[in-house]
Every structure is written in structure tokens, then in C-alpha cells.
Protein backbone atom coordinates (compact mmCIF):
# COMPACT_ATOMS: atom_id res chain seq x y z
CA MET A 1 -1.13 8.97 26.20
CA HIS A 2 0.15 5.82 24.54
CA GLN A 3 3.60 4.58 25.50
CA ILE A 4 4.96 1.75 23.37
CA ASN A 5 8.24 0.41 24.70
CA GLU A 6 8.45 -3.09 23.24
CA ILE A 7 9.31 -4.83 20.01
CA TYR A 8 8.82 -8.52 19.16
CA ILE A 9 11.83 -10.81 18.74
CA ASN A 10 12.05 -14.60 18.93
CA GLY A 11 8.51 -15.01 20.19
CA GLN A 12 8.86 -12.48 23.01
CA PHE A 13 8.04 -8.84 23.66
CA VAL A 14 11.35 -7.18 24.53
CA THR A 15 12.62 -3.69 25.29
CA PRO A 16 14.54 -2.30 22.33
CA HIS A 17 18.24 -1.68 22.56
CA GLY A 18 17.49 1.56 20.73
CA GLU A 19 16.68 4.49 22.97
CA GLU A 20 15.19 7.07 20.57
CA LEU A 21 11.65 8.15 21.41
CA PHE A 22 9.38 8.98 18.47
CA ASP A 23 6.30 11.15 18.98
CA LEU A 24 2.92 9.92 17.78
CA PHE A 25 0.19 12.33 16.68
CA ASN A 26 -3.50 12.31 15.94
CA PRO A 27 -3.58 13.92 12.47
CA ALA A 28 -7.20 15.02 12.90
CA THR A 29 -6.23 17.27 15.84
CA ALA A 30 -2.46 17.69 15.25
CA GLN A 31 -2.05 16.84 18.94
CA PRO A 32 0.45 14.33 20.39
CA ILE A 33 -1.05 11.02 21.52
CA GLY A 34 2.02 9.18 22.74
CA GLN A 35 5.51 7.91 22.03
CA ILE A 36 7.21 4.79 20.77
CA ARG A 37 10.71 3.69 21.64
CA LEU A 38 12.42 2.86 18.35
CA ALA A 39 14.59 -0.15 17.62
CA ASP A 40 18.09 0.30 16.28
CA GLU A 41 20.62 -1.70 14.24
CA GLN A 42 21.41 -4.02 17.15
CA ASP A 43 17.73 -4.92 17.48
CA ALA A 44 17.54 -5.60 13.75
CA HIS A 45 20.53 -7.95 13.98
CA ALA A 46 18.91 -9.80 16.90
CA ALA A 47 15.68 -10.23 14.94
CA ILE A 48 17.52 -11.53 11.87
CA LYS A 49 19.44 -13.99 14.03
CA ALA A 50 16.18 -15.31 15.51
CA ALA A 51 14.58 -15.65 12.09
CA LYS A 52 17.66 -17.41 10.69
CA GLN A 53 17.66 -19.92 13.55
CA ALA A 54 13.95 -20.64 13.04
CA PHE A 55 14.17 -21.05 9.26
CA PRO A 56 15.58 -24.60 8.85
CA GLU A 57 12.82 -26.24 10.86
CA PHE A 58 9.99 -23.96 9.69
CA SER A 59 10.91 -24.30 6.02
CA ARG A 60 10.38 -28.06 6.29
CA THR A 61 6.96 -27.90 7.94
CA PRO A 62 4.15 -29.65 6.06
CA LYS A 63 1.84 -27.47 4.02
CA ALA A 64 -1.05 -28.38 6.31
CA THR A 65 0.84 -27.02 9.31
CA ARG A 66 1.39 -23.67 7.66
CA VAL A 67 -2.24 -23.51 6.54
CA ALA A 68 -3.25 -24.06 10.17
CA HIS A 69 -0.87 -21.30 11.31
CA LEU A 70 -2.38 -18.85 8.82
CA LYS A 71 -5.93 -19.69 9.86
CA ARG A 72 -5.10 -19.13 13.54
CA MET A 73 -3.45 -15.83 12.64
CA HIS A 74 -6.56 -14.82 10.69
CA ALA A 75 -8.80 -15.62 13.64
CA ALA A 76 -6.54 -13.70 16.02
CA VAL A 77 -6.45 -10.54 13.88
CA ALA A 78 -10.17 -10.75 13.15
CA GLY A 79 -10.70 -10.87 16.91
CA VAL A 80 -9.15 -7.42 17.38
CA GLU A 81 -10.96 -5.76 14.47
CA ALA A 82 -12.69 -3.13 16.62
CA GLU A 83 -9.47 -2.18 18.45
CA LEU A 84 -7.53 -2.07 15.18
CA THR A 85 -10.17 0.12 13.54
CA GLN A 86 -9.88 2.70 16.32
CA ALA A 87 -6.07 2.62 16.15
CA ILE A 88 -6.21 3.30 12.40
CA ILE A 89 -8.56 6.25 12.96
CA GLU A 90 -6.59 7.69 15.87
CA GLU A 91 -3.06 7.59 14.43
CA TYR A 92 -3.72 7.69 10.69
CA GLY A 93 -6.97 9.63 10.43
CA ALA A 94 -8.72 7.29 8.02
CA PRO A 95 -12.46 7.97 7.81
CA VAL A 96 -14.32 5.34 9.80
CA SER A 97 -15.79 3.70 6.70
CA ARG A 98 -12.29 3.25 5.29
CA ALA A 99 -10.78 2.25 8.63
CA VAL A 100 -13.31 -0.57 9.05
CA TRP A 101 -12.36 -1.92 5.61
CA MET A 102 -8.65 -1.62 6.41
CA ALA A 103 -9.04 -3.59 9.65
CA LYS A 104 -11.02 -6.33 7.92
CA HIS A 105 -8.44 -6.45 5.13
CA ALA A 106 -5.62 -7.05 7.63
CA ALA A 107 -7.37 -10.25 8.73
CA SER A 108 -8.65 -11.37 5.34
CA VAL A 109 -5.23 -11.42 3.65
CA LEU A 110 -4.17 -14.15 6.07
CA LEU A 111 -7.11 -16.34 5.13
CA ASP A 112 -6.56 -15.59 1.44
CA ALA A 113 -2.98 -16.82 1.75
CA ALA A 114 -4.14 -19.99 3.51
CA ARG A 115 -6.47 -20.73 0.60
CA VAL A 116 -3.75 -20.13 -1.98
CA LEU A 117 -1.35 -22.35 -0.05
CA GLN A 118 -3.93 -25.11 0.30
CA ASP A 119 -4.20 -25.45 -3.49
CA TYR A 120 -0.52 -24.84 -4.34
CA ASP A 121 1.69 -27.68 -5.59
CA PHE A 122 5.30 -27.17 -4.57
CA THR A 123 6.46 -29.95 -6.88
CA ARG A 124 5.77 -30.28 -10.60
CA ARG A 125 7.07 -32.37 -13.48
CA ILE A 126 8.63 -30.60 -16.47
CA GLY A 127 10.05 -33.01 -19.04
CA ILE A 128 12.51 -35.29 -17.30
CA ALA A 129 12.95 -32.84 -14.42
CA GLU A 130 11.23 -32.66 -11.08
CA VAL A 131 10.89 -28.96 -10.24
CA ILE A 132 10.65 -28.11 -6.56
CA MET A 133 9.67 -24.65 -5.30
CA GLN A 134 11.94 -23.96 -2.34
CA PRO A 135 11.55 -21.17 0.27
CA LEU A 136 14.17 -18.45 -0.14
CA GLY A 137 15.17 -17.96 3.49
CA VAL A 138 14.72 -15.02 5.85
CA ALA A 139 12.51 -12.26 4.43
CA GLY A 140 12.75 -8.59 5.34
CA LEU A 141 9.33 -6.96 5.10
CA ILE A 142 9.07 -3.16 5.12
CA THR A 143 5.58 -1.62 5.37
CA PRO A 144 4.19 1.91 4.81
CA TRP A 145 2.06 4.17 6.97
CA ASN A 146 -0.90 4.43 4.59
CA SER A 147 -2.03 0.82 5.16
CA ASN A 148 0.35 -0.50 7.78
CA ALA A 149 -1.70 -3.29 9.37
CA GLY A 150 -2.79 -4.69 6.01
CA PHE A 151 0.74 -4.78 4.66
CA ILE A 152 2.16 -6.37 7.82
CA CYS A 153 -0.34 -9.18 7.56
CA GLY A 154 -0.29 -9.49 3.76
CA LYS A 155 3.48 -9.64 3.36
CA LEU A 156 3.87 -11.92 6.37
CA ALA A 157 1.14 -14.25 5.11
CA ALA A 158 2.89 -14.77 1.77
CA ALA A 159 6.30 -15.27 3.38
CA LEU A 160 5.04 -17.83 5.90
CA ALA A 161 2.95 -19.65 3.31
CA ALA A 162 6.13 -20.14 1.28
CA GLY A 163 8.00 -21.47 4.30
CA CYS A 164 10.15 -18.39 4.89
CA THR A 165 10.71 -16.75 8.25
CA ALA A 166 10.49 -12.98 8.54
CA VAL A 167 11.64 -9.75 10.09
CA ILE A 168 9.11 -6.95 9.70
CA LYS A 169 9.96 -3.26 9.86
CA PRO A 170 6.66 -1.38 10.09
CA SER A 171 6.36 2.37 9.71
CA GLU A 172 7.22 4.14 12.95
CA MET A 173 4.26 6.44 12.27
CA SER A 174 1.87 3.48 12.61
CA ALA A 175 2.93 2.19 16.00
CA LEU A 176 -0.58 1.79 17.44
CA GLN A 177 -1.65 -0.47 14.58
CA THR A 178 1.57 -2.44 14.84
CA SER A 179 1.04 -2.94 18.57
CA VAL A 180 -2.51 -4.26 18.10
CA VAL A 181 -1.51 -6.58 15.26
CA THR A 182 1.62 -7.87 17.01
CA ARG A 183 -0.30 -8.83 20.15
CA ALA A 184 -2.88 -10.62 18.04
CA LEU A 185 -0.31 -12.53 15.98
CA HIS A 186 1.51 -13.55 19.17
CA GLN A 187 -1.71 -15.16 20.38
CA ALA A 188 -1.73 -17.38 17.27
CA GLY A 189 1.12 -19.36 18.84
CA LEU A 190 3.63 -19.72 16.01
CA PRO A 191 7.10 -21.10 16.81
CA ALA A 192 9.54 -18.58 18.26
CA GLY A 193 11.56 -16.65 15.70
CA VAL A 194 9.31 -17.42 12.74
CA PHE A 195 8.25 -13.78 12.62
CA ASN A 196 9.79 -10.77 14.33
CA ILE A 197 8.43 -7.21 14.35
CA VAL A 198 10.98 -4.44 14.85
CA THR A 199 9.76 -0.85 14.59
CA GLY A 200 12.54 1.56 13.74
CA ARG A 201 13.63 4.11 11.19
CA GLY A 202 14.35 3.26 7.60
CA GLU A 203 17.91 4.53 7.84
CA THR A 204 18.63 2.17 10.75
CA VAL A 205 16.47 -0.98 10.81
CA GLY A 206 15.51 -0.69 7.14
CA ALA A 207 19.14 -0.28 6.12
CA VAL A 208 20.12 -3.45 7.97
CA LEU A 209 17.37 -5.47 6.27
CA SER A 210 18.45 -4.12 2.87
CA THR A 211 22.11 -5.07 3.27
CA HIS A 212 22.40 -7.98 5.72
CA ALA A 213 23.79 -11.15 4.16
CA ASP A 214 21.27 -13.33 6.02
CA ILE A 215 18.27 -11.58 4.47
CA ALA A 216 17.46 -13.45 1.26
CA LYS A 217 14.40 -11.46 0.24
CA VAL A 218 13.14 -7.91 0.75
CA SER A 219 9.54 -6.91 0.14
CA PHE A 220 9.00 -3.15 0.34
CA THR A 221 5.96 -0.94 -0.17
CA GLY A 222 6.54 2.81 -0.27
CA SER A 223 7.97 5.58 -2.38
CA THR A 224 9.80 5.04 -5.64
CA ALA A 225 12.83 6.98 -4.34
CA VAL A 226 13.25 4.69 -1.33
CA GLY A 227 12.55 1.62 -3.48
CA LYS A 228 15.47 2.53 -5.74
CA HIS A 229 17.71 2.90 -2.70
CA ILE A 230 16.69 -0.55 -1.42
CA LEU A 231 17.34 -2.07 -4.84
CA ARG A 232 20.84 -0.61 -4.92
CA ALA A 233 21.53 -1.67 -1.33
CA GLY A 234 20.39 -5.23 -1.98
CA ALA A 235 22.49 -5.63 -5.11
CA GLU A 236 25.67 -6.44 -3.18
CA THR A 237 24.15 -9.69 -1.86
CA LEU A 238 21.82 -10.22 -4.87
CA LYS A 239 18.72 -10.20 -2.70
CA ARG A 240 15.43 -11.14 -4.30
CA ILE A 241 13.41 -7.93 -4.11
CA THR A 242 9.74 -7.06 -4.52
CA LEU A 243 8.94 -3.35 -4.73
CA GLU A 244 5.43 -1.89 -4.74
CA LEU A 245 6.01 1.80 -5.31
CA GLY A 246 4.34 5.00 -6.49
CA GLY A 247 1.64 5.66 -9.03
CA LYS A 248 -0.01 8.34 -11.11
CA SER A 249 -3.03 6.36 -12.22
CA PRO A 250 -5.09 7.50 -15.22
CA VAL A 251 -8.89 7.33 -15.24
CA LEU A 252 -10.02 7.08 -18.87
CA VAL A 253 -13.54 8.47 -19.16
CA LEU A 254 -14.60 7.39 -22.64
CA ASP A 255 -16.97 9.40 -24.81
CA ASP A 256 -19.70 6.76 -24.70
CA THR A 257 -20.01 6.70 -20.92
CA ASP A 258 -22.76 8.22 -18.79
CA LEU A 259 -20.94 11.11 -17.12
CA LYS A 260 -23.46 11.29 -14.28
CA LYS A 261 -22.30 7.83 -13.24
CA ALA A 262 -18.69 8.08 -14.36
CA ILE A 263 -17.68 11.32 -12.64
CA PRO A 264 -18.67 10.21 -9.10
CA MET A 265 -16.72 6.97 -9.63
CA ALA A 266 -13.73 8.86 -10.99
CA LEU A 267 -13.70 11.13 -7.94
CA GLN A 268 -14.02 8.17 -5.64
CA ALA A 269 -11.02 6.54 -7.34
CA GLY A 270 -9.02 9.73 -6.88
CA PHE A 271 -9.97 10.55 -3.30
CA MET A 272 -9.78 6.98 -1.93
CA ASN A 273 -7.88 6.66 1.35
CA SER A 274 -7.91 10.49 1.53
CA GLY A 275 -5.75 10.53 -1.59
CA GLN A 276 -2.94 8.78 0.28
CA ALA A 277 -3.01 5.77 -2.02
CA CYS A 278 -0.52 4.62 -4.63
CA ILE A 279 -3.45 3.37 -6.73
CA ALA A 280 -5.44 6.62 -6.55
CA GLY A 281 -6.83 7.72 -9.92
CA THR A 282 -5.28 11.17 -9.89
CA ARG A 283 -5.37 11.93 -13.64
CA ILE A 284 -8.92 12.06 -15.05
CA LEU A 285 -8.80 11.91 -18.85
CA VAL A 286 -11.96 13.21 -20.56
CA PRO A 287 -13.07 13.99 -24.15
CA ALA A 288 -12.25 17.63 -24.96
CA HIS A 289 -15.70 18.37 -26.36
CA ARG A 290 -17.33 17.28 -23.08
CA LEU A 291 -15.08 19.29 -20.76
CA ALA A 292 -17.71 21.88 -19.82
CA GLU A 293 -20.14 19.13 -18.82
CA VAL A 294 -17.43 17.33 -16.87
CA GLU A 295 -16.48 20.50 -15.01
CA ARG A 296 -20.08 21.22 -14.00
CA LEU A 297 -20.52 17.69 -12.66
CA ILE A 298 -17.22 17.76 -10.75
CA ILE A 299 -18.08 21.06 -9.05
CA LYS A 300 -21.45 19.61 -8.04
CA GLU A 301 -20.02 16.31 -6.78
CA VAL A 302 -17.03 17.74 -4.90
CA ALA A 303 -19.38 20.06 -2.99
CA ASN A 304 -20.85 16.91 -1.43
CA ILE A 305 -17.50 15.32 -0.52
CA ARG A 306 -16.88 15.89 3.17
CA ALA A 307 -13.38 16.38 4.57
CA GLY A 308 -13.27 16.40 8.34
CA ASP A 309 -13.76 14.34 11.50
CA PRO A 310 -12.74 10.73 10.69
CA GLN A 311 -15.21 9.42 13.27
CA ASP A 312 -18.12 10.99 11.35
CA PRO A 313 -19.63 8.35 9.00
CA ASN A 314 -20.36 11.13 6.49
CA THR A 315 -16.65 11.94 6.14
CA SER A 316 -14.91 10.52 3.08
CA VAL A 317 -11.61 12.45 3.15
CA GLY A 318 -9.59 12.44 6.34
CA PRO A 319 -6.43 14.37 7.26
CA MET A 320 -2.94 13.88 5.91
CA VAL A 321 -0.86 11.62 8.11
CA SER A 322 1.60 14.32 9.25
CA LEU A 323 2.39 18.01 9.14
CA LYS A 324 5.16 17.24 6.65
CA GLN A 325 2.72 15.49 4.33
CA TRP A 326 0.21 18.35 4.69
CA GLN A 327 2.88 20.87 3.74
CA ARG A 328 3.92 18.74 0.76
CA VAL A 329 0.37 18.58 -0.60
CA GLN A 330 -0.19 22.28 -0.02
CA ALA A 331 2.97 23.00 -2.02
CA TYR A 332 1.65 20.96 -4.94
CA ILE A 333 -1.67 22.82 -4.87
CA GLN A 334 0.20 26.12 -5.03
CA MET A 335 2.35 24.73 -7.82
CA GLY A 336 -0.75 23.84 -9.85
CA ILE A 337 -2.03 27.40 -9.51
CA GLU A 338 1.33 28.87 -10.49
CA GLU A 339 1.62 26.58 -13.53
CA GLY A 340 -1.68 27.88 -14.85
CA ALA A 341 -4.04 24.99 -14.17
CA HIS A 342 -7.69 25.98 -13.64
CA LEU A 343 -8.69 25.47 -10.00
CA LEU A 344 -12.09 23.85 -10.28
CA ALA A 345 -12.66 22.89 -6.63
CA GLY A 346 -10.79 23.11 -3.34
CA GLY A 347 -7.49 24.95 -3.15
CA PRO A 348 -4.94 26.01 -0.51
CA GLY A 349 -5.57 26.02 3.23
CA LEU A 350 -7.82 24.07 5.57
CA PRO A 351 -11.38 23.15 4.64
CA ASP A 352 -13.87 25.72 5.97
CA GLU A 353 -15.27 23.36 8.63
CA CYS A 354 -11.81 22.39 9.99
CA THR A 355 -10.04 24.60 12.51
CA ALA A 356 -7.29 22.14 13.43
CA GLY A 357 -5.63 19.03 12.08
CA TRP A 358 -3.81 18.30 8.83
CA PHE A 359 -6.79 18.45 6.49
CA ILE A 360 -6.71 19.25 2.79
CA LYS A 361 -9.61 20.60 0.77
CA PRO A 362 -10.67 17.98 -1.81
CA THR A 363 -9.04 19.68 -4.79
CA VAL A 364 -9.54 19.28 -8.53
CA PHE A 365 -7.62 21.13 -11.23
CA SER A 366 -8.99 21.27 -14.76
CA ARG A 367 -7.44 22.18 -18.12
CA VAL A 368 -4.24 20.50 -16.99
CA THR A 369 -1.62 19.41 -19.48
CA ASN A 370 0.14 16.12 -18.92
CA GLN A 371 3.48 17.95 -18.70
CA MET A 372 2.51 20.01 -15.64
CA THR A 373 4.14 19.01 -12.37
CA ILE A 374 0.79 18.12 -10.78
CA ALA A 375 0.21 15.64 -13.62
CA ARG A 376 3.71 14.15 -13.53
CA GLU A 377 4.53 13.69 -9.85
CA GLU A 378 2.81 11.62 -7.18
CA ILE A 379 1.22 14.09 -4.76
CA PHE A 380 -0.22 11.53 -2.32
CA GLY A 381 -3.13 13.70 -1.27
CA PRO A 382 -6.66 14.56 -2.45
CA VAL A 383 -5.54 16.56 -5.49
CA LEU A 384 -6.77 15.52 -8.95
CA SER A 385 -6.06 16.72 -12.49
CA VAL A 386 -8.54 16.77 -15.37
CA ILE A 387 -6.80 16.35 -18.73
CA THR A 388 -8.57 16.46 -22.09
CA TYR A 389 -7.99 14.29 -25.16
CA LYS A 390 -9.29 14.55 -28.73
CA ASP A 391 -9.61 10.81 -29.49
CA GLU A 392 -8.94 7.42 -27.89
CA ALA A 393 -5.47 7.15 -29.42
CA GLU A 394 -4.47 10.37 -27.68
CA ALA A 395 -6.13 9.21 -24.45
CA LEU A 396 -4.04 6.06 -24.53
CA ALA A 397 -0.88 8.04 -25.25
CA ILE A 398 -1.55 10.37 -22.31
CA ALA A 399 -2.38 7.46 -20.02
CA ASN A 400 0.98 5.82 -20.80
CA ASP A 401 2.96 9.08 -20.74
CA THR A 402 4.13 8.67 -17.16
CA PRO A 403 7.09 7.07 -15.40
CA TYR A 404 4.56 5.05 -13.37
CA GLY A 405 2.37 2.08 -14.21
CA LEU A 406 0.64 0.71 -11.13
CA GLN A 407 -3.09 0.92 -11.78
CA ALA A 408 -5.50 2.43 -14.32
CA TYR A 409 -9.25 2.82 -14.64
CA ILE A 410 -11.54 2.81 -17.69
CA LEU A 411 -15.12 4.03 -17.53
CA SER A 412 -17.19 3.04 -20.58
CA THR A 413 -20.47 1.44 -21.64
CA ASP A 414 -18.58 -0.44 -24.38
CA VAL A 415 -16.92 -3.20 -22.41
CA LYS A 416 -15.29 -4.78 -25.47
CA LYS A 417 -13.65 -1.47 -26.40
CA ALA A 418 -12.60 -0.95 -22.78
CA HIS A 419 -10.88 -4.35 -22.73
CA THR A 420 -9.05 -3.52 -25.95
CA LEU A 421 -7.76 -0.29 -24.43
CA ALA A 422 -6.91 -2.04 -21.16
CA SER A 423 -4.59 -4.41 -23.02
CA GLN A 424 -2.64 -1.39 -24.31
CA ILE A 425 -2.23 0.46 -21.00
CA ASP A 426 1.08 -0.01 -19.20
CA ALA A 427 -0.22 -0.80 -15.73
CA GLY A 428 -0.20 -3.80 -13.43
CA ARG A 429 -3.95 -3.58 -12.93
CA VAL A 430 -6.71 -2.02 -15.03
CA LEU A 431 -10.18 -1.66 -13.52
CA ILE A 432 -13.12 -1.35 -15.92
CA ASN A 433 -16.25 0.25 -14.45
CA THR A 434 -15.32 -0.89 -10.95
CA LEU A 435 -13.21 -0.02 -7.92
CA ALA A 436 -13.11 -3.63 -6.73
CA HIS A 437 -10.11 -5.51 -5.37
CA GLU A 438 -9.35 -9.13 -6.27
CA PRO A 439 -7.12 -10.62 -3.57
CA LEU A 440 -6.11 -13.64 -5.64
CA ALA A 441 -4.97 -11.65 -8.67
CA PRO A 442 -1.39 -10.33 -8.89
CA PHE A 443 -0.79 -6.76 -7.79
CA GLY A 444 2.23 -4.67 -8.71
CA GLY A 445 3.52 -2.16 -11.19
CA PHE A 446 5.09 -1.58 -14.56
CA LYS A 447 7.99 0.85 -15.02
CA GLN A 448 8.87 2.86 -11.89
CA SER A 449 5.83 1.60 -9.98
CA GLY A 450 7.78 -1.41 -8.89
CA ILE A 451 9.25 -4.85 -9.45
CA GLY A 452 7.44 -8.14 -8.88
CA ARG A 453 3.92 -8.94 -7.74
CA GLU A 454 2.01 -9.53 -4.50
CA TYR A 455 -1.19 -11.48 -3.72
CA GLY A 456 -2.32 -14.89 -4.88
CA THR A 457 -0.02 -17.45 -6.43
CA PHE A 458 2.27 -14.75 -7.84
CA GLY A 459 2.73 -13.29 -4.36
CA LEU A 460 3.50 -16.71 -2.90
CA GLU A 461 6.07 -17.51 -5.58
CA ALA A 462 7.87 -14.23 -4.89
CA PHE A 463 9.20 -15.99 -1.74
CA LEU A 464 10.13 -19.21 -3.56
CA GLU A 465 13.02 -20.29 -5.78
CA PRO A 466 12.61 -23.11 -8.34
CA LYS A 467 15.01 -26.04 -8.14
CA SER A 468 15.23 -28.62 -10.94
CA ILE A 469 16.19 -32.20 -10.06
CA LEU A 470 17.07 -34.50 -12.93
CA SER A 471 17.64 -38.22 -12.59
């Protein structure tokens, strides 16, 4: 059993002032695997104090020094890749193929930030003014359970590259990953107080970061509901805030595409990260006259999608992270049935091969209207909706008929047409015939999918404030 009794403040592993013990579970077995002692408000205040004290000196470090810090951090996290992969599988249930990618991503974002920083000019001339990009101050970084290690490293990398110091509040449900990453980052040897990692609840540690006068910037990834709360809480001190929130991503399958290639990619976009992904393509938009063909292909493909043991390399859909999340997704599946959607594959209950754990059958509803609950709300599980359209104008209207706008997908053999449609979709990213990730391109959402951008130069500048000097 794992017992995690330390947080990281001012360059040291310390026992939290908080005394609450939080149970950790393996979602593939639903069995407890340990406990973490949670930090409280007093711990958050101590971490902010350490970060504030470290900021003046760190913010003035030469760019080359910060590049060197990031490269050491990358090497340290890369060195624990195997341990981090197993932690992701054990506490989150990610299939091993996904977990390996997630562990590599946690290291790679640090090197990506070093490369962006290396080429970034903090001073530029605009007319008679010298414009200097100045670090904001202490950053509060709040990370989610569906990619905890990657978000810890990614948000921290951008903040440090800008010259900010940081207090990180990781998800309490991801304590094993946090422990592995924290020990690795400590080995990189950064100055004390530059980063602090304080695992606690959102209503305690998160609330302090959202309201404390010494926090200049909050970067949060999570639900839209919590993001709105953070935005309201930060308004009193006019914090700079980046929010990466929910999504209900459309997958536009155009009439010209080869369905035998498009449908497997569409399902992969929808079931990625076991459906627990804000960028998951959960609404598959198809031409009405090809619905029968689409349904036959989906039934065939879903039969080959394995939900089960995350350690099995043939598994592509792992369990939900918690019993609460499993119950939530089950409720949405039942809702889809009650609203009259056609259950094409999957359905309520555990997959046939699973006798324990918080597994969901890979589920696809067809003949869904865009006004049904399962098409409007973010389910955050392996549940997809097939929606028909009569022409591309209607497809575009359906794609944009959502409060979200994080990511979208277009599958077509006519790349020029796909680009034209992409320019008209309200989403922060549109992927055409690919599921690739570009770490240097901005990532973030339109509408209620968030505010601001992460990654690349845009992500760096989210932690900077421009100052004009005229003489």
C-alpha cells in the first residue's frame, strides 16, 4: 500500500499541516492502493510565501540559465519514465500504450519549453517604444486527474520559462504520479521556492490560489463549472487567468471520404484516453444518405475495441478514474436510451470480460439529434453520438451548435475543402485527417472551452506582461 505523507515547499519535502487522509484506488480493480495526506490552507499559504520570496531573484535570471533549468528538468523526468508509466496505469487505469505516451509527454513538454525560450526575444522595438515582456509574478497552477503528470510539467515549464515562480495544486486523485514527478524535479536542482507542489482539495488549496493577493496568475485545466468559479474568485484581485476547460468536439465525416478509413479514425478520436479527454471527438457528423453504411462499419469496428486490463497491450479503453465517474457515465448512457437515441454498440453495465473495476462498454449511439443531452453535455467517458446532416452547411451549423469550442476534426479527401470548413468552425484546434499533436502550436478553446492558450510562444506569453518604455 502506498502512503504519501509529504508535499514540496521551498525546495524541501515536508509533512503537510493538513491532516486529512485521502484514499487512493486502482480503477481497474476498484481496490484501495494507499492514502495521501492532503495539504490545507496553511500549507498553501506557506507555498505562496516561498514562491513570492524566490520570485525577485528568479525573475531576473538570464534566459540561458532558465533554458539550462528546463533541460535538467527534462532529463530528470525522462529518467523516471518507466516508474511514471506504471504509476499512471495503477492509479488512473490508462491502457499501457496510452500511459507510455503520457509519461513521455510529461518529459517532452519541458524540452519543448526550453526550445521556445531559446528563440524568444523578451525585448522588441515598436515605433519609438522599447517593449519588454515582464514575468507576471507567482503563478498558481491547478492540474486535472486525466493527464496529471503532463499538466504539472507543461504548466510549470511555461511559467519558469517566463521567469515566474509557481505553486502547483495537482489532483489529489493522481498522487502517485505527482510523487514520481516531484522527486524527479527536485533532482534537477532548481533554487528553493521556485516551484512548490501542494496536493490538496480544490475547495481548500485551490481556493487559496484563486483568491490570494500574491498569486498573479492562475492556470487551470478541468471542468467548465470549476473554471467559471475560479474566474469569479480571481476577479477581486484581477488575476491573469488561463482556463482550459470542457469540450464536445465534432468529427465532420465528409461525403467524399473513404468511410473504411474514416470511421476507425473517428472512433479513435472519440475513445482516446478511454474517453476521459476534453478533446475527444464525441459527436460524429455523417451524411444522412450514408448512415446505414456508417452504422455497419461502426458495429464492426467497435467489436474489435477492447476495454479491460490496462496492462494488456491489446486494450485501448481503460476504466473510469473513480466510482463517481463510472456512475456519471452510466447515467448518461441510460439518458441516451431514454431520450430515444439508437444504441448501436455498448450500453449499460460492465463489459462482458470485466468482473470488477470501473469499466464502461465502448458505447456508440446513432440517430442522435444535436439537442439530445448526450450531444450537448460533456460525458467524459467512451460514449459517442452519431448525428446526420443533409449538406455541408448543415454539418457546419451542427458542429458550431454547442457551448464548447476546444477541438474539431475533419475527415475528407478534399483537403482544400476541409481547410475552408476548418476556418469556419469555432474551435481552438481543427485536425484534418490526423490525430497528431503539435506542441509548438497554441492550444485552448473558444466559447466555454476556456480562456487563453497554452504551448509554444502563446503559452509562454500567458505568463508575461508587456511593458512599454519610451524615451
